[in-house]
Structure formats: structure tokens, C-alpha cells
């Protein structure tokens, strides 16, 4: 179990601490929702978590297949809906400039990514458009 300690610091900003490591992250409301947009918004973290989780599980399974995942990178786009205000769509495009393994191994990595814990936890009304370029 992972435990976090968080605090609202005013001016639409929060600080969250990962207690086992002491690392902190700051969230800020986005510019289009009364904030300063100086850090990730909470909904940015949801979209970011999806790509990071996918890459992490690909890395875990790539390691088991003796594949080096170095160089894997991705771009994430979050699209909001206005009424009610919520995430509508998350678009992620993965690139692996020097892919390893055969087509079957790379296909398995894609399947693993699409079933990562964050992907399975996101509400089904949020579209997840994932593209793999490898």
C-alpha cells in the first residue's frame, strides 16, 4: 500500500507528498479553469499517469523478453469536455525509434500496455486513443 499526504495551499494549488520517498508534486488549476497553469493540473496527472503506466508495464514485460526499452517515448494530449467539465479523450502516441524483438513480441507489448492498471481504471466514457509507432 502506498500512502500520500496532501495539502491545499491556497490559490488553487495543492502539494502531494509520496510518504515512502518524500518526493513532492504540485498541482495547479489550468489557465482555462481559473488557475495559473504553472504545474500539472489534477486531470493532467490522470492523462500523464496513463502513458507512464503503459510504458512501465511494457518495460516490465520487455525485461522478461530480454528487450531493452531505452528510447521509448510518447506524447500525451488530454482533451476536456465542458459540461460537465471532465476529461473527454486521452490521445497517446508512442514512438520507439530503435525497436527490438520480433513483430510478435512488439504486438505483445502493445497488448500489455493497453491493459495496464491505469487504462483499466479510467472511466469507460473517457476515450483512450493509443498509437504505437514501432
C-alpha atoms as a PDB file:
ATOM      1  CA  UNK A   1       0.000   0.000   0.000  1.00  0.00           C
ATOM      2  CA  UNK A   2       1.274   3.445  -0.919  1.00  0.00           C
ATOM      3  CA  UNK A   3       0.288   6.397   1.224  1.00  0.00           C
ATOM      4  CA  UNK A   4       0.295  10.060   0.276  1.00  0.00           C
ATOM      5  CA  UNK A   5      -0.101  13.222   2.316  1.00  0.00           C
ATOM      6  CA  UNK A   6      -1.618  16.185   0.522  1.00  0.00           C
ATOM      7  CA  UNK A   7      -2.461  19.785   1.318  1.00  0.00           C
ATOM      8  CA  UNK A   8      -4.390  22.600  -0.335  1.00  0.00           C
ATOM      9  CA  UNK A   9      -2.003  25.559  -0.171  1.00  0.00           C
ATOM     10  CA  UNK A  10      -4.384  28.199  -1.495  1.00  0.00           C
ATOM     11  CA  UNK A  11      -4.730  29.947  -4.819  1.00  0.00           C
ATOM     12  CA  UNK A  12      -5.986  26.708  -6.485  1.00  0.00           C
ATOM     13  CA  UNK A  13      -2.739  24.835  -5.753  1.00  0.00           C
ATOM     14  CA  UNK A  14      -2.057  21.572  -3.927  1.00  0.00           C
ATOM     15  CA  UNK A  15       1.063  19.755  -2.787  1.00  0.00           C
ATOM     16  CA  UNK A  16       1.130  15.975  -2.520  1.00  0.00           C
ATOM     17  CA  UNK A  17       3.915  14.021  -0.827  1.00  0.00           C
ATOM     18  CA  UNK A  18       4.760  10.392  -1.539  1.00  0.00           C
ATOM     19  CA  UNK A  19       5.458   9.362   2.041  1.00  0.00           C
ATOM     20  CA  UNK A  20       7.796   6.438   1.407  1.00  0.00           C
ATOM     21  CA  UNK A  21      10.149   8.506  -0.776  1.00  0.00           C
ATOM     22  CA  UNK A  22       9.498  12.036   0.447  1.00  0.00           C
ATOM     23  CA  UNK A  23       9.043  13.236  -3.156  1.00  0.00           C
ATOM     24  CA  UNK A  24       6.519  16.023  -3.679  1.00  0.00           C
ATOM     25  CA  UNK A  25       4.457  17.183  -6.577  1.00  0.00           C
ATOM     26  CA  UNK A  26       2.477  20.354  -7.053  1.00  0.00           C
ATOM     27  CA  UNK A  27      -0.799  20.689  -8.916  1.00  0.00           C
ATOM     28  CA  UNK A  28      -2.222  23.926 -10.186  1.00  0.00           C
ATOM     29  CA  UNK A  29      -5.560  24.705 -11.766  1.00  0.00           C
ATOM     30  CA  UNK A  30      -5.216  25.223 -15.531  1.00  0.00           C
ATOM     31  CA  UNK A  31      -5.471  28.627 -17.149  1.00  0.00           C
ATOM     32  CA  UNK A  32      -8.848  27.773 -18.669  1.00  0.00           C
ATOM     33  CA  UNK A  33     -10.269  26.977 -15.230  1.00  0.00           C
ATOM     34  CA  UNK A  34      -9.263  29.996 -13.120  1.00  0.00           C
ATOM     35  CA  UNK A  35      -5.716  28.806 -12.364  1.00  0.00           C
ATOM     36  CA  UNK A  36      -2.189  29.903 -13.091  1.00  0.00           C
ATOM     37  CA  UNK A  37      -1.324  26.825 -15.145  1.00  0.00           C
ATOM     38  CA  UNK A  38       2.146  26.733 -13.588  1.00  0.00           C
ATOM     39  CA  UNK A  39       2.177  22.980 -12.985  1.00  0.00           C
ATOM     40  CA  UNK A  40       0.271  19.831 -13.863  1.00  0.00           C
ATOM     41  CA  UNK A  41      -3.445  20.021 -13.171  1.00  0.00           C
ATOM     42  CA  UNK A  42      -5.108  17.025 -11.498  1.00  0.00           C
ATOM     43  CA  UNK A  43      -6.593  15.972 -14.837  1.00  0.00           C
ATOM     44  CA  UNK A  44      -3.164  16.354 -16.482  1.00  0.00           C
ATOM     45  CA  UNK A  45      -1.912  13.820 -13.946  1.00  0.00           C
ATOM     46  CA  UNK A  46      -4.594  11.333 -14.998  1.00  0.00           C
ATOM     47  CA  UNK A  47      -3.545  11.577 -18.654  1.00  0.00           C
ATOM     48  CA  UNK A  48       0.144  11.516 -17.744  1.00  0.00           C
ATOM     49  CA  UNK A  49      -0.380   8.516 -15.485  1.00  0.00           C
ATOM     50  CA  UNK A  50      -1.893   6.560 -18.376  1.00  0.00           C
ATOM     51  CA  UNK A  51       1.171   6.922 -20.604  1.00  0.00           C
ATOM     52  CA  UNK A  52       3.601   6.356 -17.739  1.00  0.00           C
ATOM     53  CA  UNK A  53       1.750   3.225 -16.607  1.00  0.00           C
ATOM     54  CA  UNK A  54       1.708   1.840 -20.150  1.00  0.00           C
ATOM     55  CA  UNK A  55       5.446   2.422 -20.527  1.00  0.00           C
ATOM     56  CA  UNK A  56       6.158   0.902 -17.126  1.00  0.00           C
ATOM     57  CA  UNK A  57       4.305  -2.348 -17.834  1.00  0.00           C
ATOM     58  CA  UNK A  58       5.937  -2.535 -21.279  1.00  0.00           C
ATOM     59  CA  UNK A  59       9.290  -2.112 -19.529  1.00  0.00           C
ATOM     60  CA  UNK A  60       8.489  -4.870 -17.016  1.00  0.00           C
ATOM     61  CA  UNK A  61       7.480  -7.303 -19.730  1.00  0.00           C
ATOM     62  CA  UNK A  62      10.187  -6.149 -22.127  1.00  0.00           C
ATOM     63  CA  UNK A  63      12.721  -7.029 -19.461  1.00  0.00           C
ATOM     64  CA  UNK A  64      11.227 -10.534 -19.236  1.00  0.00           C
ATOM     65  CA  UNK A  65      11.625 -10.852 -23.021  1.00  0.00           C
ATOM     66  CA  UNK A  66      15.230  -9.541 -22.873  1.00  0.00           C
ATOM     67  CA  UNK A  67      14.234  -6.402 -24.776  1.00  0.00           C
ATOM     68  CA  UNK A  68      15.874  -3.084 -23.982  1.00  0.00           C
ATOM     69  CA  UNK A  69      13.154  -0.411 -23.943  1.00  0.00           C
ATOM     70  CA  UNK A  70      15.546   2.559 -23.927  1.00  0.00           C
ATOM     71  CA  UNK A  71      14.421   5.337 -26.215  1.00  0.00           C
ATOM     72  CA  UNK A  72      10.712   4.572 -25.885  1.00  0.00           C
ATOM     73  CA  UNK A  73       8.946   7.934 -25.712  1.00  0.00           C
ATOM     74  CA  UNK A  74       5.421   9.243 -26.036  1.00  0.00           C
ATOM     75  CA  UNK A  75       3.338  12.363 -26.408  1.00  0.00           C
ATOM     76  CA  UNK A  76       0.096  12.749 -24.494  1.00  0.00           C
ATOM     77  CA  UNK A  77      -2.815  15.013 -25.363  1.00  0.00           C
ATOM     78  CA  UNK A  78      -5.720  15.500 -22.980  1.00  0.00           C
ATOM     79  CA  UNK A  79      -8.992  16.880 -24.323  1.00  0.00           C
ATOM     80  CA  UNK A  80     -11.519  18.245 -21.854  1.00  0.00           C
ATOM     81  CA  UNK A  81     -15.299  18.351 -22.106  1.00  0.00           C
ATOM     82  CA  UNK A  82     -17.048  21.448 -20.755  1.00  0.00           C
ATOM     83  CA  UNK A  83     -20.440  20.289 -19.460  1.00  0.00           C
ATOM     84  CA  UNK A  84     -19.838  18.623 -17.170  1.00  0.00           C
ATOM     85  CA  UNK A  85     -16.172  19.558 -17.002  1.00  0.00           C
ATOM     86  CA  UNK A  86     -14.237  16.308 -17.246  1.00  0.00           C
ATOM     87  CA  UNK A  87     -11.676  14.508 -19.355  1.00  0.00           C
ATOM     88  CA  UNK A  88     -13.237  13.539 -22.678  1.00  0.00           C
ATOM     89  CA  UNK A  89     -10.317  11.998 -24.565  1.00  0.00           C
ATOM     90  CA  UNK A  90      -6.713  10.986 -23.952  1.00  0.00           C
ATOM     91  CA  UNK A  91      -4.545  10.604 -27.049  1.00  0.00           C
ATOM     92  CA  UNK A  92      -1.129   8.988 -26.642  1.00  0.00           C
ATOM     93  CA  UNK A  93       1.386   8.365 -29.395  1.00  0.00           C
ATOM     94  CA  UNK A  94       4.297   6.046 -28.533  1.00  0.00           C
ATOM     95  CA  UNK A  95       7.497   6.050 -30.572  1.00  0.00           C
ATOM     96  CA  UNK A  96      10.300   3.527 -30.198  1.00  0.00           C
ATOM     97  CA  UNK A  97      12.985   4.726 -32.620  1.00  0.00           C
ATOM     98  CA  UNK A  98      15.053   1.541 -32.385  1.00  0.00           C
ATOM     99  CA  UNK A  99      12.555  -1.198 -31.584  1.00  0.00           C
ATOM    100  CA  UNK A 100      13.816  -4.584 -30.525  1.00  0.00           C
ATOM    101  CA  UNK A 101      12.338  -8.037 -30.783  1.00  0.00           C
ATOM    102  CA  UNK A 102      10.189  -9.532 -33.473  1.00  0.00           C
ATOM    103  CA  UNK A 103       6.696  -8.452 -34.522  1.00  0.00           C
ATOM    104  CA  UNK A 104       5.056 -10.946 -32.159  1.00  0.00           C
ATOM    105  CA  UNK A 105       6.976  -9.556 -29.160  1.00  0.00           C
ATOM    106  CA  UNK A 106       6.164  -5.969 -30.099  1.00  0.00           C
ATOM    107  CA  UNK A 107       2.487  -6.872 -30.516  1.00  0.00           C
ATOM    108  CA  UNK A 108       2.521  -8.450 -27.056  1.00  0.00           C
ATOM    109  CA  UNK A 109       3.990  -5.239 -25.587  1.00  0.00           C
ATOM    110  CA  UNK A 110       1.162  -3.233 -27.177  1.00  0.00           C
ATOM    111  CA  UNK A 111      -1.465  -5.577 -25.706  1.00  0.00           C
ATOM    112  CA  UNK A 112       0.172  -5.342 -22.282  1.00  0.00           C
ATOM    113  CA  UNK A 113       0.201  -1.530 -22.477  1.00  0.00           C
ATOM    114  CA  UNK A 114      -3.491  -1.355 -23.343  1.00  0.00           C
ATOM    115  CA  UNK A 115      -4.362  -3.416 -20.273  1.00  0.00           C
ATOM    116  CA  UNK A 116      -2.206  -1.546 -17.744  1.00  0.00           C
ATOM    117  CA  UNK A 117      -3.781  -0.779 -14.350  1.00  0.00           C
ATOM    118  CA  UNK A 118      -4.418   2.884 -15.150  1.00  0.00           C
ATOM    119  CA  UNK A 119      -6.036   2.073 -18.508  1.00  0.00           C
ATOM    120  CA  UNK A 120      -8.348  -0.377 -16.762  1.00  0.00           C
ATOM    121  CA  UNK A 121      -9.155   2.176 -14.023  1.00  0.00           C
ATOM    122  CA  UNK A 122     -10.150   5.082 -16.256  1.00  0.00           C
ATOM    123  CA  UNK A 123     -13.895   5.501 -16.725  1.00  0.00           C
ATOM    124  CA  UNK A 124     -15.090   3.846 -19.952  1.00  0.00           C
ATOM    125  CA  UNK A 125     -16.635   7.120 -21.180  1.00  0.00           C
ATOM    126  CA  UNK A 126     -13.123   8.585 -21.459  1.00  0.00           C
ATOM    127  CA  UNK A 127     -11.800   7.717 -24.909  1.00  0.00           C
ATOM    128  CA  UNK A 128      -8.281   6.306 -24.921  1.00  0.00           C
ATOM    129  CA  UNK A 129      -6.747   6.671 -28.376  1.00  0.00           C
ATOM    130  CA  UNK A 130      -3.367   4.970 -28.298  1.00  0.00           C
ATOM    131  CA  UNK A 131      -0.985   4.837 -31.244  1.00  0.00           C
ATOM    132  CA  UNK A 132       2.195   2.777 -31.379  1.00  0.00           C
ATOM    133  CA  UNK A 133       4.967   3.574 -33.851  1.00  0.00           C
ATOM    134  CA  UNK A 134       7.238   0.578 -33.548  1.00  0.00           C
END
